[in-house]
């Protein structure tokens, strides 16, 4: 992972008198696709940003669900496996990983580690709709 000094960045943009000292920016990710390879699309009107913290106990699972809009998650602790329901393909994310979740694809997740999973989750949604739709029990 490459570290970028904010001082160097700011110096390239403004006069040296406005440089920030002792600030480092660590890029986490740059992506243009979701975890399943879809292009990231955002709502075009009435965009609302919602940030949440998720705590998932060891062995706990999230039900099958999907998101109609973009959802991003940063794993701050633990190990989370996310499984795409149609393909059965799973990916394990660990502390420090950034997840660009699938859009409009059924998936579920589970804590596969021995410690709680903690996620910082950011949704970009249209208006007052919810960004998590649960699949009806079959």
Protein backbone atom coordinates (compact mmCIF):
# COMPACT_ATOMS: atom_id res chain seq x y z
CA UNK A 1 0.00 0.00 0.00
CA UNK A 2 1.41 3.40 -0.99
CA UNK A 3 1.34 6.30 1.48
CA UNK A 4 0.83 9.81 0.19
CA UNK A 5 1.98 12.75 2.27
CA UNK A 6 -0.73 15.39 2.40
CA UNK A 7 2.03 18.00 2.72
CA UNK A 8 3.44 16.96 -0.65
CA UNK A 9 -0.04 16.90 -2.19
CA UNK A 10 -0.99 20.27 -0.78
CA UNK A 11 2.34 21.76 -1.82
CA UNK A 12 1.59 20.75 -5.37
CA UNK A 13 -1.81 22.50 -5.19
CA UNK A 14 -1.30 25.63 -3.07
CA UNK A 15 1.44 27.97 -1.91
CA UNK A 16 3.88 26.50 0.65
CA UNK A 17 2.51 28.79 3.38
CA UNK A 18 -0.74 26.76 3.33
CA UNK A 19 0.91 23.32 3.56
CA UNK A 20 -0.35 20.86 6.19
CA UNK A 21 2.28 19.36 8.45
CA UNK A 22 2.24 15.88 9.99
CA UNK A 23 -0.75 14.58 8.01
CA UNK A 24 -0.53 11.35 6.04
CA UNK A 25 -3.22 9.98 3.73
CA UNK A 26 -3.26 6.20 3.27
CA UNK A 27 -5.30 5.17 0.23
CA UNK A 28 -7.53 2.20 1.07
CA UNK A 29 -8.93 1.33 -2.35
CA UNK A 30 -9.86 2.63 -5.76
CA UNK A 31 -12.59 0.70 -7.51
CA UNK A 32 -15.07 1.13 -10.34
CA UNK A 33 -16.76 -2.27 -9.92
CA UNK A 34 -18.64 -4.10 -7.16
CA UNK A 35 -17.40 -7.30 -5.52
CA UNK A 36 -19.13 -9.30 -8.27
CA UNK A 37 -17.75 -7.21 -11.15
CA UNK A 38 -20.71 -4.90 -11.82
CA UNK A 39 -20.06 -1.25 -12.68
CA UNK A 40 -20.84 0.96 -9.69
CA UNK A 41 -24.01 2.99 -10.30
CA UNK A 42 -25.38 5.70 -8.07
CA UNK A 43 -28.83 7.23 -7.64
CA UNK A 44 -29.38 10.21 -9.90
CA UNK A 45 -31.89 12.13 -7.75
CA UNK A 46 -32.50 12.81 -4.07
CA UNK A 47 -29.25 11.13 -3.01
CA UNK A 48 -28.96 10.39 0.70
CA UNK A 49 -25.78 9.14 2.39
CA UNK A 50 -26.22 6.92 5.45
CA UNK A 51 -23.25 5.75 7.56
CA UNK A 52 -23.65 2.93 10.10
CA UNK A 53 -21.52 0.72 12.34
CA UNK A 54 -22.34 -3.02 12.19
CA UNK A 55 -21.19 -5.36 14.99
CA UNK A 56 -21.55 -9.05 14.14
CA UNK A 57 -20.88 -11.64 16.86
CA UNK A 58 -18.68 -14.70 16.21
CA UNK A 59 -20.72 -17.34 14.35
CA UNK A 60 -23.56 -14.90 13.54
CA UNK A 61 -24.98 -14.65 10.02
CA UNK A 62 -26.77 -11.98 8.03
CA UNK A 63 -29.83 -13.23 6.11
CA UNK A 64 -30.04 -13.38 2.32
CA UNK A 65 -30.49 -9.81 1.12
CA UNK A 66 -29.64 -7.37 -1.67
CA UNK A 67 -29.01 -3.66 -2.10
CA UNK A 68 -30.68 -1.60 -4.86
CA UNK A 69 -27.97 1.08 -4.54
CA UNK A 70 -24.27 1.30 -3.77
CA UNK A 71 -23.08 0.12 -0.35
CA UNK A 72 -19.52 0.30 0.85
CA UNK A 73 -18.09 -1.37 3.96
CA UNK A 74 -14.73 -1.01 5.68
CA UNK A 75 -13.85 -3.94 7.95
CA UNK A 76 -12.34 -2.57 11.15
CA UNK A 77 -12.21 -5.92 13.00
CA UNK A 78 -12.81 -9.62 12.44
CA UNK A 79 -13.38 -11.83 9.42
CA UNK A 80 -16.56 -11.72 7.33
CA UNK A 81 -17.42 -14.10 4.51
CA UNK A 82 -19.81 -12.71 1.89
CA UNK A 83 -21.48 -15.32 -0.37
CA UNK A 84 -23.23 -14.54 -3.67
CA UNK A 85 -26.36 -16.72 -3.41
CA UNK A 86 -26.75 -17.63 -7.12
CA UNK A 87 -23.15 -18.73 -7.69
CA UNK A 88 -22.24 -19.83 -4.17
CA UNK A 89 -18.96 -17.93 -4.54
CA UNK A 90 -17.71 -16.58 -1.24
CA UNK A 91 -15.04 -14.05 -0.36
CA UNK A 92 -13.56 -13.59 3.10
CA UNK A 93 -12.82 -10.01 4.14
CA UNK A 94 -10.60 -9.21 7.12
CA UNK A 95 -9.71 -6.19 9.19
CA UNK A 96 -8.46 -3.43 6.88
CA UNK A 97 -10.37 -4.66 3.81
CA UNK A 98 -12.79 -2.47 1.87
CA UNK A 99 -15.93 -4.04 0.37
CA UNK A 100 -17.85 -2.61 -2.57
CA UNK A 101 -21.01 -4.67 -2.16
CA UNK A 102 -23.00 -6.27 -4.96
CA UNK A 103 -25.90 -4.21 -6.32
CA UNK A 104 -29.25 -5.99 -6.82
CA UNK A 105 -27.71 -9.46 -6.33
CA UNK A 106 -28.85 -11.76 -3.53
CA UNK A 107 -26.08 -12.51 -1.05
CA UNK A 108 -25.56 -13.30 2.61
CA UNK A 109 -22.68 -13.04 5.06
CA UNK A 110 -21.35 -14.64 8.20
CA UNK A 111 -18.70 -14.01 10.78
CA UNK A 112 -16.16 -16.81 10.17
CA UNK A 113 -13.69 -15.70 12.83
CA UNK A 114 -13.39 -16.04 16.58
CA UNK A 115 -13.82 -12.32 17.30
CA UNK A 116 -16.66 -9.91 16.52
CA UNK A 117 -16.77 -8.33 13.08
CA UNK A 118 -17.05 -4.56 13.03
CA UNK A 119 -17.94 -2.75 9.80
CA UNK A 120 -18.22 0.91 8.92
CA UNK A 121 -20.99 0.82 6.29
CA UNK A 122 -21.81 3.69 3.93
CA UNK A 123 -24.91 3.66 1.73
CA UNK A 124 -25.75 6.02 -1.13
CA UNK A 125 -29.48 5.77 -1.73
CA UNK A 126 -32.33 7.61 -3.42
CA UNK A 127 -34.79 9.44 -1.19
CA UNK A 128 -36.23 7.61 1.79
CA UNK A 129 -35.98 4.04 0.47
CA UNK A 130 -34.11 1.35 2.39
CA UNK A 131 -30.89 -0.03 0.92
CA UNK A 132 -31.30 -3.54 2.27
CA UNK A 133 -34.06 -5.79 0.94
CA UNK A 134 -34.50 -9.17 2.62
CA UNK A 135 -35.42 -12.18 0.53
CA UNK A 136 -38.72 -13.79 1.58
CA UNK A 137 -38.36 -17.14 3.31
CA UNK A 138 -38.97 -20.02 0.91
